[in-house]
Amino acid sequence: MKRYHYRGTQDNEFKLFESDDLVIVRTKENWNPQEWLSVQAADVEIDHVKEVDVYPEASVYVFKLLHDISARTRDQFKESIKNLDDKRIVFIGTVFINEFGSYQIYTGNLFLKFQNHVDESVQRSILGAHNLKEKRKLKFSQCAYFLEPEEDTGRDIFELSTDLLSLPEVELCHPELVVARKTIEYRDSGLPEEQEADWALRQVKLFDAWKKTKG
């Protein structure tokens, strides 16, 4: 389970759980998932897998296991894919879901806003101490940044955001999360209203992030 605070320390804590039936795959370009699955079905030991979402700009796919759903089956599927040693597959991993069942993909990036009174030199010092580099400074505030770690932190991005949020100089900090871009049936994502509203804008930045992180 991972935790984050979308509105800072004074608001509710949000929790993410590993999905037992969803797997994310990042590939090289010109990869046809349906063709690949039909050929590899026997080798991966699971012949009932459905593609449920795709980010073609980033060559990222989300698959759903349809039978014998469990963390064990999910991990067996992931390991079987890895054992194929297909050079077109860059990364395969599990997917986080919130308490409402909507999945959210972390990009490895962070949103951070310092308290308004914090001097820019102090801001830069804190970012440097945590090995964070600026992807862009946000226009709505002189104290807000869109950041990425100098080295890929993987899931530790959640702990990093919590550590930063505990600093007295920091007002807001949370990982960048992207929700499902397309679904067959609409489901309430359960996100805070402002997070639901701006996910489309934030997902534009997802594609660059995936080129540098492991999913």
Protein backbone atom coordinates (compact mmCIF):
# COMPACT_ATOMS: atom_id res chain seq x y z
CA MET A 1 0.00 0.00 0.00
CA LYS A 2 1.15 3.54 -0.79
CA ARG A 3 -0.06 6.81 0.74
CA TYR A 4 -0.10 10.41 -0.40
CA HIS A 5 -1.69 13.73 0.56
CA TYR A 6 -3.22 15.64 -2.30
CA ARG A 7 -4.05 18.82 -0.40
CA GLY A 8 -1.23 18.80 2.13
CA THR A 9 -0.99 17.47 5.65
CA GLN A 10 -4.26 19.01 6.88
CA ASP A 11 -6.50 17.00 4.60
CA ASN A 12 -7.45 13.37 4.23
CA GLU A 13 -4.81 10.81 3.43
CA PHE A 14 -5.27 8.93 0.16
CA LYS A 15 -4.25 5.29 -0.16
CA LEU A 16 -3.32 3.19 -3.17
CA PHE A 17 -3.32 -0.60 -3.28
CA GLU A 18 -1.72 -3.05 -5.68
CA SER A 19 -4.24 -4.41 -8.15
CA ASP A 20 -4.42 -8.20 -8.38
CA ASP A 21 -5.62 -8.20 -11.97
CA LEU A 22 -3.94 -5.25 -13.74
CA VAL A 23 -0.50 -5.18 -15.31
CA ILE A 24 1.26 -2.29 -17.04
CA VAL A 25 3.64 -2.89 -19.94
CA ARG A 26 5.93 -0.31 -21.51
CA THR A 27 7.34 -1.26 -24.89
CA LYS A 28 9.37 -0.03 -27.78
CA GLU A 29 7.53 1.56 -30.70
CA ASN A 30 5.59 -0.40 -33.32
CA TRP A 31 4.53 -3.15 -30.92
CA ASN A 32 1.17 -4.83 -31.55
CA PRO A 33 -0.11 -6.19 -28.22
CA GLN A 34 -2.91 -8.31 -29.64
CA GLU A 35 -0.66 -9.98 -32.18
CA TRP A 36 1.98 -10.51 -29.54
CA LEU A 37 -0.47 -12.03 -27.04
CA SER A 38 -1.90 -14.43 -29.60
CA VAL A 39 1.57 -15.73 -30.40
CA GLN A 40 2.84 -15.86 -26.82
CA ALA A 41 -0.31 -17.11 -25.06
CA ALA A 42 0.99 -20.64 -24.52
CA ASP A 43 4.34 -19.42 -23.24
CA VAL A 44 2.94 -16.98 -20.70
CA GLU A 45 0.57 -19.67 -19.37
CA ILE A 46 -2.42 -17.31 -19.31
CA ASP A 47 -4.63 -17.19 -22.38
CA HIS A 48 -7.27 -14.85 -21.00
CA VAL A 49 -5.76 -11.38 -20.94
CA LYS A 50 -7.49 -8.23 -22.14
CA GLU A 51 -6.02 -4.87 -23.08
CA VAL A 52 -8.01 -2.24 -21.18
CA ASP A 53 -6.08 0.96 -21.80
CA VAL A 54 -3.31 2.28 -24.00
CA TYR A 55 -1.10 5.35 -24.15
CA PRO A 56 0.25 5.01 -27.72
CA GLU A 57 2.32 8.18 -27.49
CA ALA A 58 4.37 6.49 -24.77
CA SER A 59 3.98 2.87 -25.95
CA VAL A 60 2.35 2.01 -22.62
CA TYR A 61 -0.39 -0.61 -22.26
CA VAL A 62 -2.56 -1.74 -19.36
CA PHE A 63 -3.75 -5.35 -19.35
CA LYS A 64 -6.36 -7.09 -17.22
CA LEU A 65 -6.21 -10.74 -16.17
CA LEU A 66 -9.64 -12.31 -16.57
CA HIS A 67 -9.33 -15.65 -14.77
CA ASP A 68 -7.80 -17.03 -11.57
CA ILE A 69 -7.34 -13.48 -10.34
CA SER A 70 -4.87 -13.18 -7.48
CA ALA A 71 -1.59 -11.51 -6.68
CA ARG A 72 0.11 -14.86 -7.24
CA THR A 73 -1.35 -15.25 -10.74
CA ARG A 74 -0.48 -11.64 -11.56
CA ASP A 75 3.12 -12.13 -10.48
CA GLN A 76 3.36 -15.40 -12.42
CA PHE A 77 2.16 -13.59 -15.52
CA LYS A 78 4.72 -10.83 -15.04
CA GLU A 79 7.51 -13.34 -14.52
CA SER A 80 6.46 -15.33 -17.59
CA ILE A 81 6.60 -12.18 -19.69
CA LYS A 82 10.04 -11.32 -18.35
CA ASN A 83 11.31 -14.83 -19.05
CA LEU A 84 10.42 -14.46 -22.73
CA ASP A 85 13.24 -11.92 -22.94
CA ASP A 86 11.44 -10.00 -25.68
CA LYS A 87 13.65 -7.02 -26.49
CA ARG A 88 10.60 -4.96 -27.43
CA ILE A 89 9.35 -4.96 -23.83
CA VAL A 90 11.00 -2.26 -21.74
CA PHE A 91 9.16 -2.74 -18.45
CA ILE A 92 6.32 -4.74 -16.91
CA GLY A 93 4.84 -3.99 -13.50
CA THR A 94 1.76 -3.95 -11.31
CA VAL A 95 -0.78 -1.15 -11.18
CA PHE A 96 -2.07 0.76 -8.17
CA ILE A 97 -5.79 1.30 -7.57
CA ASN A 98 -7.54 3.59 -5.12
CA GLU A 99 -10.23 2.55 -2.67
CA PHE A 100 -12.88 3.13 -5.34
CA GLY A 101 -11.23 0.64 -7.71
CA SER A 102 -9.92 3.20 -10.22
CA TYR A 103 -6.34 2.66 -11.23
CA GLN A 104 -3.72 5.37 -11.05
CA ILE A 105 -0.30 5.23 -12.69
CA TYR A 106 2.58 7.05 -11.08
CA THR A 107 5.03 8.72 -13.45
CA GLY A 108 7.97 9.19 -11.11
CA ASN A 109 7.46 12.96 -11.08
CA LEU A 110 6.49 15.20 -8.17
CA PHE A 111 4.44 18.33 -7.63
CA LEU A 112 5.83 20.49 -4.84
CA LYS A 113 4.84 23.88 -3.47
CA PHE A 114 6.86 25.68 -0.84
CA GLN A 115 5.36 28.04 1.70
CA ASN A 116 5.07 31.52 0.19
CA HIS A 117 7.58 33.05 2.58
CA VAL A 118 10.40 30.60 1.72
CA ASP A 119 13.28 32.29 -0.07
CA GLU A 120 14.20 30.89 -3.49
CA SER A 121 17.74 30.08 -2.35
CA VAL A 122 16.27 27.90 0.42
CA GLN A 123 13.95 26.25 -2.09
CA ARG A 124 16.88 25.40 -4.36
CA SER A 125 18.86 24.08 -1.41
CA ILE A 126 16.05 21.69 -0.40
CA LEU A 127 15.61 20.44 -3.96
CA GLY A 128 19.33 19.81 -4.25
CA ALA A 129 19.49 18.01 -0.91
CA HIS A 130 16.80 15.59 -2.13
CA ASN A 131 18.36 15.13 -5.58
CA LEU A 132 15.42 16.68 -7.38
CA LYS A 133 15.67 18.58 -10.64
CA GLU A 134 13.16 21.02 -12.02
CA LYS A 135 11.18 19.98 -15.08
CA ARG A 136 9.38 23.29 -15.02
CA LYS A 137 8.46 26.01 -12.57
CA LEU A 138 4.72 26.45 -12.47
CA LYS A 139 3.37 29.84 -13.50
CA PHE A 140 0.62 30.14 -10.90
CA SER A 141 3.14 30.46 -8.06
CA GLN A 142 6.78 31.42 -7.57
CA CYS A 143 6.99 28.61 -5.03
CA ALA A 144 5.56 25.68 -7.03
CA TYR A 145 7.52 23.18 -9.08
CA PHE A 146 7.04 20.14 -11.27
CA LEU A 147 10.02 17.93 -10.41
CA GLU A 148 11.74 14.67 -11.22
CA PRO A 149 14.37 12.78 -9.21
CA GLU A 150 17.87 12.76 -10.66
CA GLU A 151 17.72 8.96 -10.47
CA ASP A 152 14.66 6.77 -10.89
CA THR A 153 13.13 6.12 -7.46
CA GLY A 154 10.37 3.75 -8.55
CA ARG A 155 7.70 3.33 -5.90
CA ASP A 156 9.82 5.17 -3.37
CA ILE A 157 8.48 8.37 -4.94
CA PHE A 158 5.58 8.10 -2.48
CA GLU A 159 7.86 8.01 0.57
CA LEU A 160 9.91 10.85 -0.88
CA SER A 161 6.82 13.04 -1.25
CA THR A 162 5.80 12.29 2.35
CA ASP A 163 9.28 13.17 3.62
CA LEU A 164 9.21 16.46 1.74
CA LEU A 165 5.74 17.26 3.00
CA SER A 166 6.98 16.91 6.58
CA LEU A 167 9.39 19.82 6.09
CA PRO A 168 8.13 23.12 7.57
CA GLU A 169 9.10 24.92 4.35
CA VAL A 170 6.81 22.73 2.21
CA GLU A 171 3.09 23.39 1.85
CA LEU A 172 2.07 20.76 -0.71
CA CYS A 173 3.77 17.72 -2.22
CA HIS A 174 2.45 14.64 -3.98
CA PRO A 175 3.46 12.25 -6.77
CA GLU A 176 2.11 12.86 -10.24
CA LEU A 177 -0.65 10.31 -10.86
CA VAL A 178 -2.48 9.57 -14.09
CA VAL A 179 -5.90 7.93 -14.11
CA ALA A 180 -7.49 5.82 -16.83
CA ARG A 181 -7.67 7.68 -20.12
CA LYS A 182 -10.42 5.58 -21.64
CA THR A 183 -12.91 3.15 -20.17
CA ILE A 184 -15.77 1.11 -21.55
CA GLU A 185 -18.04 2.11 -18.69
CA TYR A 186 -17.82 5.31 -16.66
CA ARG A 187 -16.90 4.86 -13.03
CA ASP A 188 -16.48 7.58 -10.45
CA SER A 189 -12.74 7.75 -9.88
CA GLY A 190 -13.12 8.85 -6.28
CA LEU A 191 -10.48 11.54 -6.78
CA PRO A 192 -10.71 14.99 -5.23
CA GLU A 193 -12.63 17.27 -7.59
CA GLU A 194 -9.63 19.34 -8.60
CA GLN A 195 -7.50 16.25 -9.24
CA GLU A 196 -10.22 14.75 -11.43
CA ALA A 197 -10.50 18.00 -13.38
CA ASP A 198 -6.85 18.40 -14.28
CA TRP A 199 -5.76 14.83 -14.93
CA ALA A 200 -6.01 15.30 -18.70
CA LEU A 201 -3.62 18.22 -18.57
CA ARG A 202 -1.17 16.37 -16.36
CA GLN A 203 -1.18 13.22 -18.46
CA VAL A 204 0.35 15.18 -21.34
CA LYS A 205 3.54 15.30 -19.27
CA LEU A 206 3.36 11.56 -18.62
CA PHE A 207 4.84 10.61 -21.95
CA ASP A 208 8.17 12.34 -21.39
CA ALA A 209 8.34 10.92 -17.89
CA TRP A 210 7.92 7.33 -19.06
CA LYS A 211 10.88 7.68 -21.38
CA LYS A 212 13.09 8.09 -18.32
CA THR A 213 11.43 6.01 -15.61
CA LYS A 214 10.48 2.38 -15.11
CA GLY A 215 6.73 2.80 -15.06
